[in-house]
PDB file of all heavy atoms in Angstrom:
ATOM      1  N   ASP A   1       0.828  -1.204   0.000  1.00  0.00           N
ATOM      2  CA  ASP A   1       0.000   0.000   0.000  1.00  0.00           C
ATOM      3  C   ASP A   1       0.861   1.253   0.000  1.00  0.00           C
ATOM      4  O   ASP A   1       2.112   1.179  -0.027  1.00  0.00           O
ATOM      5  CB  ASP A   1      -0.979  -0.014   1.180  1.00  0.00           C
ATOM      6  CG  ASP A   1      -0.270   0.080   2.531  1.00  0.00           C
ATOM      7  OD1 ASP A   1       0.957   0.302   2.560  1.00  0.00           O
ATOM      8  OD2 ASP A   1      -0.954  -0.071   3.564  1.00  0.00           O
ATOM      9  N   GLU A   2       0.190   2.432   0.037  1.00  0.00           N
ATOM     10  CA  GLU A   2       0.909   3.700  -0.046  1.00  0.00           C
ATOM     11  C   GLU A   2       1.764   3.979   1.184  1.00  0.00           C
ATOM     12  O   GLU A   2       2.640   4.839   1.149  1.00  0.00           O
ATOM     13  CB  GLU A   2      -0.087   4.859  -0.259  1.00  0.00           C
ATOM     14  CG  GLU A   2      -1.044   5.104   0.887  1.00  0.00           C
ATOM     15  CD  GLU A   2      -2.249   4.185   0.833  1.00  0.00           C
ATOM     16  OE1 GLU A   2      -2.334   3.364  -0.108  1.00  0.00           O
ATOM     17  OE2 GLU A   2      -3.102   4.286   1.726  1.00  0.00           O
ATOM     18  N   LYS A   3       1.544   3.238   2.285  1.00  0.00           N
ATOM     19  CA  LYS A   3       2.348   3.405   3.492  1.00  0.00           C
ATOM     20  C   LYS A   3       3.508   2.418   3.554  1.00  0.00           C
ATOM     21  O   LYS A   3       4.229   2.369   4.553  1.00  0.00           O
ATOM     22  CB  LYS A   3       1.463   3.247   4.726  1.00  0.00           C
ATOM     23  CG  LYS A   3       0.375   4.312   4.840  1.00  0.00           C
ATOM     24  CD  LYS A   3      -0.452   4.112   6.101  1.00  0.00           C
ATOM     25  CE  LYS A   3      -1.540   5.183   6.213  1.00  0.00           C
ATOM     26  NZ  LYS A   3      -2.368   4.982   7.424  1.00  0.00           N
ATOM     27  N   GLY A   4       3.693   1.604   2.511  1.00  0.00           N
ATOM     28  CA  GLY A   4       4.801   0.660   2.484  1.00  0.00           C
ATOM     29  C   GLY A   4       4.534  -0.617   3.248  1.00  0.00           C
ATOM     30  O   GLY A   4       5.477  -1.343   3.585  1.00  0.00           O
ATOM     31  N   ARG A   5       3.269  -0.941   3.519  1.00  0.00           N
ATOM     32  CA  ARG A   5       2.913  -2.165   4.223  1.00  0.00           C
ATOM     33  C   ARG A   5       2.398  -3.198   3.238  1.00  0.00           C
ATOM     34  O   ARG A   5       1.792  -2.860   2.213  1.00  0.00           O
ATOM     35  CB  ARG A   5       1.857  -1.884   5.300  1.00  0.00           C
ATOM     36  CG  ARG A   5       2.371  -1.003   6.440  1.00  0.00           C
ATOM     37  CD  ARG A   5       1.237  -0.551   7.338  1.00  0.00           C
ATOM     38  NE  ARG A   5       0.553  -1.659   7.997  1.00  0.00           N
ATOM     39  CZ  ARG A   5       0.900  -2.172   9.166  1.00  0.00           C
ATOM     40  NH1 ARG A   5       1.956  -1.681   9.818  1.00  0.00           N
ATOM     41  NH2 ARG A   5       0.227  -3.163   9.712  1.00  0.00           N
ATOM     42  N   ALA A   6       2.622  -4.470   3.552  1.00  0.00           N
ATOM     43  CA  ALA A   6       2.182  -5.558   2.686  1.00  0.00           C
ATOM     44  C   ALA A   6       0.676  -5.741   2.812  1.00  0.00           C
ATOM     45  O   ALA A   6       0.114  -5.708   3.909  1.00  0.00           O
ATOM     46  CB  ALA A   6       2.906  -6.848   3.056  1.00  0.00           C
ATOM     47  N   ILE A   7       0.012  -5.948   1.666  1.00  0.00           N
ATOM     48  CA  ILE A   7      -1.431  -6.183   1.648  1.00  0.00           C
ATOM     49  C   ILE A   7      -1.664  -7.694   1.569  1.00  0.00           C
ATOM     50  O   ILE A   7      -1.300  -8.340   0.586  1.00  0.00           O
ATOM     51  CB  ILE A   7      -2.092  -5.472   0.450  1.00  0.00           C
ATOM     52  CG1 ILE A   7      -1.816  -3.961   0.507  1.00  0.00           C
ATOM     53  CG2 ILE A   7      -3.595  -5.739   0.435  1.00  0.00           C
ATOM     54  CD1 ILE A   7      -2.316  -3.220  -0.713  1.00  0.00           C
ATOM     55  N   ILE A   8      -2.275  -8.265   2.606  1.00  0.00           N
ATOM     56  CA  ILE A   8      -2.534  -9.701   2.691  1.00  0.00           C
ATOM     57  C   ILE A   8      -4.004  -9.942   2.376  1.00  0.00           C
ATOM     58  O   ILE A   8      -4.895  -9.462   3.093  1.00  0.00           O
ATOM     59  CB  ILE A   8      -2.191 -10.260   4.088  1.00  0.00           C
ATOM     60  CG1 ILE A   8      -0.762  -9.868   4.495  1.00  0.00           C
ATOM     61  CG2 ILE A   8      -2.377 -11.766   4.122  1.00  0.00           C
ATOM     62  CD1 ILE A   8       0.299 -10.381   3.544  1.00  0.00           C
ATOM     63  N   THR A   9      -4.293 -10.673   1.307  1.00  0.00           N
ATOM     64  CA  THR A   9      -5.677 -10.905   0.875  1.00  0.00           C
ATOM     65  C   THR A   9      -6.168 -12.304   1.189  1.00  0.00           C
ATOM     66  O   THR A   9      -7.347 -12.592   0.976  1.00  0.00           O
ATOM     67  CB  THR A   9      -5.801 -10.640  -0.630  1.00  0.00           C
ATOM     68  OG1 THR A   9      -4.854 -11.464  -1.329  1.00  0.00           O
ATOM     69  CG2 THR A   9      -5.526  -9.177  -0.956  1.00  0.00           C
ATOM     70  N   ALA A  10      -5.324 -13.191   1.676  1.00  0.00           N
ATOM     71  CA  ALA A  10      -5.758 -14.547   2.015  1.00  0.00           C
ATOM     72  C   ALA A  10      -4.815 -15.121   3.063  1.00  0.00           C
ATOM     73  O   ALA A  10      -3.618 -14.831   3.073  1.00  0.00           O
ATOM     74  CB  ALA A  10      -5.780 -15.437   0.776  1.00  0.00           C
ATOM     75  N   GLY A  11      -5.382 -15.960   3.969  1.00  0.00           N
ATOM     76  CA  GLY A  11      -4.570 -16.658   4.957  1.00  0.00           C
ATOM     77  C   GLY A  11      -4.704 -16.145   6.368  1.00  0.00           C
ATOM     78  O   GLY A  11      -4.239 -16.801   7.305  1.00  0.00           O
ATOM     79  N   LEU A  12      -5.357 -14.992   6.571  1.00  0.00           N
ATOM     80  CA  LEU A  12      -5.493 -14.420   7.906  1.00  0.00           C
ATOM     81  C   LEU A  12      -6.960 -14.143   8.230  1.00  0.00           C
ATOM     82  O   LEU A  12      -7.749 -13.817   7.337  1.00  0.00           O
ATOM     83  CB  LEU A  12      -4.690 -13.119   8.025  1.00  0.00           C
ATOM     84  CG  LEU A  12      -3.167 -13.209   7.896  1.00  0.00           C
ATOM     85  CD1 LEU A  12      -2.565 -11.810   7.972  1.00  0.00           C
ATOM     86  CD2 LEU A  12      -2.577 -14.119   8.964  1.00  0.00           C
ATOM     87  N   LYS A  13      -7.293 -14.245   9.521  1.00  0.00           N
ATOM     88  CA  LYS A  13      -8.631 -13.907   9.981  1.00  0.00           C
ATOM     89  C   LYS A  13      -8.688 -12.494  10.553  1.00  0.00           C
ATOM     90  O   LYS A  13      -9.758 -11.900  10.624  1.00  0.00           O
ATOM     91  CB  LYS A  13      -9.080 -14.902  11.057  1.00  0.00           C
ATOM     92  CG  LYS A  13      -9.241 -16.326  10.549  1.00  0.00           C
ATOM     93  CD  LYS A  13      -9.687 -17.244  11.682  1.00  0.00           C
ATOM     94  CE  LYS A  13      -9.848 -18.674  11.200  1.00  0.00           C
ATOM     95  NZ  LYS A  13     -10.262 -19.588  12.311  1.00  0.00           N
ATOM     96  N   GLY A  14      -7.558 -12.000  11.020  1.00  0.00           N
ATOM     97  CA  GLY A  14      -7.498 -10.658  11.566  1.00  0.00           C
ATOM     98  C   GLY A  14      -7.278 -10.597  13.051  1.00  0.00           C
ATOM     99  O   GLY A  14      -6.976  -9.527  13.598  1.00  0.00           O
ATOM    100  N   ASP A  15      -7.427 -11.736  13.766  1.00  0.00           N
ATOM    101  CA  ASP A  15      -7.237 -11.720  15.220  1.00  0.00           C
ATOM    102  C   ASP A  15      -5.952 -12.411  15.646  1.00  0.00           C
ATOM    103  O   ASP A  15      -5.729 -12.648  16.833  1.00  0.00           O
ATOM    104  CB  ASP A  15      -8.436 -12.387  15.906  1.00  0.00           C
ATOM    105  CG  ASP A  15      -8.672 -13.814  15.405  1.00  0.00           C
ATOM    106  OD1 ASP A  15      -7.980 -14.235  14.450  1.00  0.00           O
ATOM    107  OD2 ASP A  15      -9.562 -14.489  15.952  1.00  0.00           O
ATOM    108  N   GLU A  16      -5.093 -12.755  14.687  1.00  0.00           N
ATOM    109  CA  GLU A  16      -3.850 -13.450  14.996  1.00  0.00           C
ATOM    110  C   GLU A  16      -2.802 -12.499  15.572  1.00  0.00           C
ATOM    111  O   GLU A  16      -2.857 -11.283  15.345  1.00  0.00           O
ATOM    112  CB  GLU A  16      -3.273 -14.126  13.744  1.00  0.00           C
ATOM    113  CG  GLU A  16      -4.160 -15.196  13.135  1.00  0.00           C
ATOM    114  CD  GLU A  16      -5.107 -14.656  12.087  1.00  0.00           C
ATOM    115  OE1 GLU A  16      -5.266 -13.409  12.014  1.00  0.00           O
ATOM    116  OE2 GLU A  16      -5.683 -15.447  11.337  1.00  0.00           O
ATOM    117  N   GLN A  17      -1.864 -13.091  16.301  1.00  0.00           N
ATOM    118  CA  GLN A  17      -0.679 -12.360  16.734  1.00  0.00           C
ATOM    119  C   GLN A  17       0.470 -12.812  15.843  1.00  0.00           C
ATOM    120  O   GLN A  17       0.837 -13.993  15.816  1.00  0.00           O
ATOM    121  CB  GLN A  17      -0.362 -12.645  18.209  1.00  0.00           C
ATOM    122  CG  GLN A  17      -1.346 -12.008  19.177  1.00  0.00           C
ATOM    123  CD  GLN A  17      -0.896 -12.157  20.616  1.00  0.00           C
ATOM    124  OE1 GLN A  17      -0.644 -13.267  21.083  1.00  0.00           O
ATOM    125  NE2 GLN A  17      -0.784 -11.028  21.314  1.00  0.00           N
ATOM    126  N   ILE A  18       1.035 -11.872  15.093  1.00  0.00           N
ATOM    127  CA  ILE A  18       2.037 -12.167  14.073  1.00  0.00           C
ATOM    128  C   ILE A  18       3.412 -11.729  14.570  1.00  0.00           C
ATOM    129  O   ILE A  18       3.564 -10.624  15.122  1.00  0.00           O
ATOM    130  CB  ILE A  18       1.710 -11.459  12.736  1.00  0.00           C
ATOM    131  CG1 ILE A  18       0.261 -11.748  12.320  1.00  0.00           C
ATOM    132  CG2 ILE A  18       2.687 -11.856  11.650  1.00  0.00           C
ATOM    133  CD1 ILE A  18      -0.010 -13.220  12.043  1.00  0.00           C
ATOM    134  N   ILE A  19       4.405 -12.593  14.377  1.00  0.00           N
ATOM    135  CA  ILE A  19       5.777 -12.226  14.729  1.00  0.00           C
ATOM    136  C   ILE A  19       6.299 -11.222  13.704  1.00  0.00           C
ATOM    137  O   ILE A  19       6.243 -11.464  12.500  1.00  0.00           O
ATOM    138  CB  ILE A  19       6.691 -13.473  14.743  1.00  0.00           C
ATOM    139  CG1 ILE A  19       6.076 -14.603  15.593  1.00  0.00           C
ATOM    140  CG2 ILE A  19       8.080 -13.106  15.240  1.00  0.00           C
ATOM    141  CD1 ILE A  19       5.915 -14.264  17.040  1.00  0.00           C
ATOM    142  N   LYS A  20       6.816 -10.093  14.184  1.00  0.00           N
ATOM    143  CA  LYS A  20       7.340  -9.094  13.248  1.00  0.00           C
ATOM    144  C   LYS A  20       8.843  -8.879  13.399  1.00  0.00           C
ATOM    145  O   LYS A  20       9.439  -8.174  12.582  1.00  0.00           O
ATOM    146  CB  LYS A  20       6.609  -7.764  13.413  1.00  0.00           C
ATOM    147  CG  LYS A  20       6.944  -7.002  14.694  1.00  0.00           C
ATOM    148  CD  LYS A  20       6.318  -5.615  14.650  1.00  0.00           C
ATOM    149  CE  LYS A  20       6.680  -4.818  15.893  1.00  0.00           C
ATOM    150  NZ  LYS A  20       6.131  -3.451  15.861  1.00  0.00           N
ATOM    151  N   ALA A  21       9.460  -9.443  14.432  1.00  0.00           N
ATOM    152  CA  ALA A  21      10.913  -9.333  14.602  1.00  0.00           C
ATOM    153  C   ALA A  21      11.450 -10.700  15.018  1.00  0.00           C
ATOM    154  O   ALA A  21      10.886 -11.344  15.911  1.00  0.00           O
ATOM    155  CB  ALA A  21      11.264  -8.277  15.637  1.00  0.00           C
ATOM    156  N   GLY A  22      12.511 -11.127  14.362  1.00  0.00           N
ATOM    157  CA  GLY A  22      13.088 -12.423  14.653  1.00  0.00           C
ATOM    158  C   GLY A  22      12.531 -13.547  13.813  1.00  0.00           C
ATOM    159  O   GLY A  22      12.669 -14.727  14.164  1.00  0.00           O
ATOM    160  N   VAL A  23      11.891 -13.218  12.675  1.00  0.00           N
ATOM    161  CA  VAL A  23      11.215 -14.235  11.872  1.00  0.00           C
ATOM    162  C   VAL A  23      12.191 -15.241  11.254  1.00  0.00           C
ATOM    163  O   VAL A  23      11.813 -16.394  11.001  1.00  0.00           O
ATOM    164  CB  VAL A  23      10.368 -13.561  10.765  1.00  0.00           C
ATOM    165  CG1 VAL A  23       9.239 -12.759  11.385  1.00  0.00           C
ATOM    166  CG2 VAL A  23      11.239 -12.677   9.871  1.00  0.00           C
ATOM    167  N   ASN A  24      13.418 -14.840  11.005  1.00  0.00           N
ATOM    168  CA  ASN A  24      14.364 -15.736  10.341  1.00  0.00           C
ATOM    169  C   ASN A  24      15.062 -16.694  11.306  1.00  0.00           C
ATOM    170  O   ASN A  24      15.810 -17.579  10.875  1.00  0.00           O
ATOM    171  CB  ASN A  24      15.417 -14.920   9.586  1.00  0.00           C
ATOM    172  CG  ASN A  24      14.809 -14.120   8.451  1.00  0.00           C
ATOM    173  OD1 ASN A  24      13.953 -14.627   7.730  1.00  0.00           O
ATOM    174  ND2 ASN A  24      15.229 -12.875   8.297  1.00  0.00           N
ATOM    175  N   ALA A  25      14.825 -16.552  12.608  1.00  0.00           N
ATOM    176  CA  ALA A  25      15.497 -17.404  13.597  1.00  0.00           C
ATOM    177  C   ALA A  25      14.548 -18.418  14.222  1.00  0.00           C
ATOM    178  O   ALA A  25      14.905 -19.081  15.191  1.00  0.00           O
ATOM    179  CB  ALA A  25      16.118 -16.532  14.685  1.00  0.00           C
ATOM    180  N   LEU A  26      13.318 -18.542  13.687  1.00  0.00           N
ATOM    181  CA  LEU A  26      12.305 -19.398  14.315  1.00  0.00           C
ATOM    182  C   LEU A  26      12.231 -20.760  13.647  1.00  0.00           C
ATOM    183  O   LEU A  26      12.563 -20.936  12.471  1.00  0.00           O
ATOM    184  CB  LEU A  26      10.932 -18.709  14.251  1.00  0.00           C
ATOM    185  CG  LEU A  26      10.803 -17.382  15.018  1.00  0.00           C
ATOM    186  CD1 LEU A  26       9.432 -16.770  14.786  1.00  0.00           C
ATOM    187  CD2 LEU A  26      11.055 -17.583  16.504  1.00  0.00           C
ATOM    188  N   GLN A  27      11.729 -21.749  14.420  1.00  0.00           N
ATOM    189  CA  GLN A  27      11.466 -23.101  13.935  1.00  0.00           C
ATOM    190  C   GLN A  27      10.006 -23.440  14.229  1.00  0.00           C
ATOM    191  O   GLN A  27       9.395 -22.898  15.151  1.00  0.00           O
ATOM    192  CB  GLN A  27      12.386 -24.116  14.632  1.00  0.00           C
ATOM    193  CG  GLN A  27      13.872 -23.872  14.423  1.00  0.00           C
ATOM    194  CD  GLN A  27      14.306 -24.100  12.991  1.00  0.00           C
ATOM    195  OE1 GLN A  27      13.721 -24.933  12.295  1.00  0.00           O
ATOM    196  NE2 GLN A  27      15.311 -23.350  12.527  1.00  0.00           N
ATOM    197  N   GLU A  28       9.453 -24.377  13.465  1.00  0.00           N
ATOM    198  CA  GLU A  28       8.070 -24.781  13.638  1.00  0.00           C
ATOM    199  C   GLU A  28       7.853 -25.342  15.049  1.00  0.00           C
ATOM    200  O   GLU A  28       8.639 -26.154  15.546  1.00  0.00           O
ATOM    201  CB  GLU A  28       7.703 -25.832  12.588  1.00  0.00           C
ATOM    202  CG  GLU A  28       6.229 -26.202  12.543  1.00  0.00           C
ATOM    203  CD  GLU A  28       5.372 -25.091  11.952  1.00  0.00           C
ATOM    204  OE1 GLU A  28       5.911 -24.185  11.273  1.00  0.00           O
ATOM    205  OE2 GLU A  28       4.153 -25.125  12.166  1.00  0.00           O
ATOM    206  N   ASN A  29       6.754 -24.898  15.698  1.00  0.00           N
ATOM    207  CA  ASN A  29       6.358 -25.315  17.053  1.00  0.00           C
ATOM    208  C   ASN A  29       7.357 -24.898  18.127  1.00  0.00           C
ATOM    209  O   ASN A  29       7.303 -25.407  19.256  1.00  0.00           O
ATOM    210  CB  ASN A  29       6.138 -26.829  17.121  1.00  0.00           C
ATOM    211  CG  ASN A  29       4.963 -27.262  16.257  1.00  0.00           C
ATOM    212  OD1 ASN A  29       3.925 -26.605  16.238  1.00  0.00           O
ATOM    213  ND2 ASN A  29       5.130 -28.365  15.533  1.00  0.00           N
ATOM    214  N   GLU A  30       8.258 -24.008  17.802  1.00  0.00           N
ATOM    215  CA  GLU A  30       9.209 -23.518  18.795  1.00  0.00           C
ATOM    216  C   GLU A  30       8.499 -22.598  19.784  1.00  0.00           C
ATOM    217  O   GLU A  30       7.615 -21.811  19.409  1.00  0.00           O
ATOM    218  CB  GLU A  30      10.349 -22.772  18.105  1.00  0.00           C
ATOM    219  CG  GLU A  30      11.425 -22.267  19.045  1.00  0.00           C
ATOM    220  CD  GLU A  30      12.562 -21.577  18.308  1.00  0.00           C
ATOM    221  OE1 GLU A  30      12.450 -21.414  17.065  1.00  0.00           O
ATOM    222  OE2 GLU A  30      13.528 -21.184  18.962  1.00  0.00           O
ATOM    223  N   LYS A  31       8.884 -22.700  21.050  1.00  0.00           N
ATOM    224  CA  LYS A  31       8.314 -21.836  22.072  1.00  0.00           C
ATOM    225  C   LYS A  31       9.162 -20.568  22.166  1.00  0.00           C
ATOM    226  O   LYS A  31      10.389 -20.633  22.203  1.00  0.00           O
ATOM    227  CB  LYS A  31       8.275 -22.559  23.413  1.00  0.00           C
ATOM    228  CG  LYS A  31       7.356 -21.896  24.435  1.00  0.00           C
ATOM    229  CD  LYS A  31       7.038 -22.833  25.572  1.00  0.00           C
ATOM    230  CE  LYS A  31       5.991 -22.221  26.486  1.00  0.00           C
ATOM    231  NZ  LYS A  31       5.566 -23.143  27.567  1.00  0.00           N
ATOM    232  N   VAL A  32       8.498 -19.420  22.187  1.00  0.00           N
ATOM    233  CA  VAL A  32       9.212 -18.148  22.143  1.00  0.00           C
ATOM    234  C   VAL A  32       8.821 -17.275  23.323  1.00  0.00           C
ATOM    235  O   VAL A  32       7.802 -17.513  23.996  1.00  0.00           O
ATOM    236  CB  VAL A  32       8.924 -17.397  20.822  1.00  0.00           C
ATOM    237  CG1 VAL A  32       9.376 -18.206  19.628  1.00  0.00           C
ATOM    238  CG2 VAL A  32       7.446 -17.066  20.721  1.00  0.00           C
ATOM    239  N   ARG A  33       9.628 -16.281  23.551  1.00  0.00           N
ATOM    240  CA  ARG A  33       9.350 -15.279  24.584  1.00  0.00           C
ATOM    241  C   ARG A  33       9.212 -13.923  23.913  1.00  0.00           C
ATOM    242  O   ARG A  33      10.057 -13.517  23.120  1.00  0.00           O
ATOM    243  CB  ARG A  33      10.486 -15.253  25.610  1.00  0.00           C
ATOM    244  CG  ARG A  33      10.287 -14.197  26.714  1.00  0.00           C
ATOM    245  CD  ARG A  33      11.356 -14.345  27.803  1.00  0.00           C
ATOM    246  NE  ARG A  33      12.692 -14.212  27.219  1.00  0.00           N
ATOM    247  CZ  ARG A  33      13.316 -13.042  27.070  1.00  0.00           C
ATOM    248  NH1 ARG A  33      12.709 -11.910  27.415  1.00  0.00           N
ATOM    249  NH2 ARG A  33      14.527 -12.999  26.571  1.00  0.00           N
ATOM    250  N   VAL A  34       8.135 -13.214  24.214  1.00  0.00           N
ATOM    251  CA  VAL A  34       7.854 -11.923  23.591  1.00  0.00           C
ATOM    252  C   VAL A  34       8.659 -10.840  24.280  1.00  0.00           C
ATOM    253  O   VAL A  34       8.714 -10.776  25.515  1.00  0.00           O
ATOM    254  CB  VAL A  34       6.355 -11.597  23.671  1.00  0.00           C
ATOM    255  CG1 VAL A  34       6.084 -10.215  23.051  1.00  0.00           C
ATOM    256  CG2 VAL A  34       5.539 -12.660  22.968  1.00  0.00           C
ATOM    257  N   ILE A  35       9.316 -10.008  23.500  1.00  0.00           N
ATOM    258  CA  ILE A  35      10.056  -8.865  24.038  1.00  0.00           C
ATOM    259  C   ILE A  35       9.069  -7.715  24.221  1.00  0.00           C
ATOM    260  O   ILE A  35       8.470  -7.234  23.250  1.00  0.00           O
ATOM    261  CB  ILE A  35      11.184  -8.436  23.088  1.00  0.00           C
ATOM    262  CG1 ILE A  35      12.186  -9.595  22.918  1.00  0.00           C
ATOM    263  CG2 ILE A  35      11.880  -7.186  23.607  1.00  0.00           C
ATOM    264  CD1 ILE A  35      13.268  -9.288  21.902  1.00  0.00           C
ATOM    265  N   HIS A  36       8.885  -7.289  25.440  1.00  0.00           N
ATOM    266  CA  HIS A  36       7.957  -6.199  25.730  1.00  0.00           C
ATOM    267  C   HIS A  36       8.707  -4.874  25.751  1.00  0.00           C
ATOM    268  O   HIS A  36       9.833  -4.791  26.225  1.00  0.00           O
ATOM    269  CB  HIS A  36       7.274  -6.413  27.080  1.00  0.00           C
ATOM    270  CG  HIS A  36       6.406  -7.638  27.108  1.00  0.00           C
ATOM    271  ND1 HIS A  36       5.179  -7.695  26.494  1.00  0.00           N
ATOM    272  CD2 HIS A  36       6.624  -8.869  27.666  1.00  0.00           C
ATOM    273  CE1 HIS A  36       4.648  -8.890  26.677  1.00  0.00           C
ATOM    274  NE2 HIS A  36       5.510  -9.633  27.387  1.00  0.00           N
ATOM    275  N   THR A  37       8.066  -3.862  25.253  1.00  0.00           N
ATOM    276  CA  THR A  37       8.656  -2.518  25.244  1.00  0.00           C
ATOM    277  C   THR A  37       8.611  -1.914  26.642  1.00  0.00           C
ATOM    278  O   THR A  37       7.604  -2.022  27.349  1.00  0.00           O
ATOM    279  CB  THR A  37       7.892  -1.606  24.267  1.00  0.00           C
ATOM    280  OG1 THR A  37       7.892  -2.215  22.990  1.00  0.00           O
ATOM    281  CG2 THR A  37       8.534  -0.236  24.168  1.00  0.00           C
ATOM    282  N   ASP A  38       9.697  -1.287  27.055  1.00  0.00           N
ATOM    283  CA  ASP A  38       9.740  -0.659  28.372  1.00  0.00           C
ATOM    284  C   ASP A  38       8.704   0.441  28.482  1.00  0.00           C
ATOM    285  O   ASP A  38       8.475   1.205  27.540  1.00  0.00           O
ATOM    286  CB  ASP A  38      11.132  -0.068  28.645  1.00  0.00           C
ATOM    287  CG  ASP A  38      12.169  -1.163  28.840  1.00  0.00           C
ATOM    288  OD1 ASP A  38      11.775  -2.287  29.195  1.00  0.00           O
ATOM    289  OD2 ASP A  38      13.367  -0.885  28.626  1.00  0.00           O
ATOM    290  N   ASN A  39       8.069   0.526  29.650  1.00  0.00           N
ATOM    291  CA  ASN A  39       7.147   1.613  29.908  1.00  0.00           C
ATOM    292  C   ASN A  39       7.920   2.929  29.982  1.00  0.00           C
ATOM    293  O   ASN A  39       9.023   2.994  30.500  1.00  0.00           O
ATOM    294  CB  ASN A  39       6.420   1.358  31.237  1.00  0.00           C
ATOM    295  CG  ASN A  39       5.257   2.300  31.436  1.00  0.00           C
ATOM    296  OD1 ASN A  39       5.450   3.502  31.571  1.00  0.00           O
ATOM    297  ND2 ASN A  39       4.062   1.758  31.462  1.00  0.00           N
ATOM    298  N   LYS A  40       7.310   4.013  29.449  1.00  0.00           N
ATOM    299  CA  LYS A  40       8.001   5.306  29.425  1.00  0.00           C
ATOM    300  C   LYS A  40       8.322   5.814  30.827  1.00  0.00           C
ATOM    301  O   LYS A  40       9.280   6.567  31.015  1.00  0.00           O
ATOM    302  CB  LYS A  40       7.130   6.331  28.680  1.00  0.00           C
ATOM    303  CG  LYS A  40       6.999   6.041  27.195  1.00  0.00           C
ATOM    304  CD  LYS A  40       6.176   7.114  26.507  1.00  0.00           C
ATOM    305  CE  LYS A  40       6.071   6.835  25.016  1.00  0.00           C
ATOM    306  NZ  LYS A  40       5.265   7.866  24.309  1.00  0.00           N
ATOM    307  N   THR A  41       7.526   5.388  31.807  1.00  0.00           N
ATOM    308  CA  THR A  41       7.768   5.841  33.189  1.00  0.00           C
ATOM    309  C   THR A  41       8.597   4.826  33.982  1.00  0.00           C
ATOM    310  O   THR A  41       8.847   5.029  35.162  1.00  0.00           O
ATOM    311  CB  THR A  41       6.427   6.091  33.901  1.00  0.00           C
ATOM    312  OG1 THR A  41       5.680   4.872  33.926  1.00  0.00           O
ATOM    313  CG2 THR A  41       5.622   7.163  33.173  1.00  0.00           C
ATOM    314  N   ASN A  42       8.993   3.718  33.319  1.00  0.00           N
ATOM    315  CA  ASN A  42       9.777   2.688  34.013  1.00  0.00           C
ATOM    316  C   ASN A  42      10.901   2.232  33.085  1.00  0.00           C
ATOM    317  O   ASN A  42      10.984   1.062  32.696  1.00  0.00           O
ATOM    318  CB  ASN A  42       8.884   1.516  34.420  1.00  0.00           C
ATOM    319  CG  ASN A  42       9.632   0.483  35.227  1.00  0.00           C
ATOM    320  OD1 ASN A  42      10.643   0.787  35.875  1.00  0.00           O
ATOM    321  ND2 ASN A  42       9.154  -0.760  35.189  1.00  0.00           N
ATOM    322  N   VAL A  43      11.755   3.163  32.705  1.00  0.00           N
ATOM    323  CA  VAL A  43      12.820   2.887  31.766  1.00  0.00           C
ATOM    324  C   VAL A  43      13.780   1.866  32.370  1.00  0.00           C
ATOM    325  O   VAL A  43      14.233   2.032  33.506  1.00  0.00           O
ATOM    326  CB  VAL A  43      13.570   4.185  31.400  1.00  0.00           C
ATOM    327  CG1 VAL A  43      14.716   3.851  30.446  1.00  0.00           C
ATOM    328  CG2 VAL A  43      12.619   5.187  30.788  1.00  0.00           C
ATOM    329  N   GLY A  44      14.040   0.795  31.612  1.00  0.00           N
ATOM    330  CA  GLY A  44      14.948  -0.243  32.086  1.00  0.00           C
ATOM    331  C   GLY A  44      14.270  -1.279  32.958  1.00  0.00           C
ATOM    332  O   GLY A  44      14.915  -2.233  33.427  1.00  0.00           O
TER     333      GLY A  44
END
């Protein structure tokens, strides 16, 4: 699209959680840990 994002027309329902960082280091059925962004009032 005009914002540089990929347009997906098949394969998704819309309620999934999609990995957007670290996609090349994953294996099928691998258990992962989500990196959470630090709160602005609790840096570090």
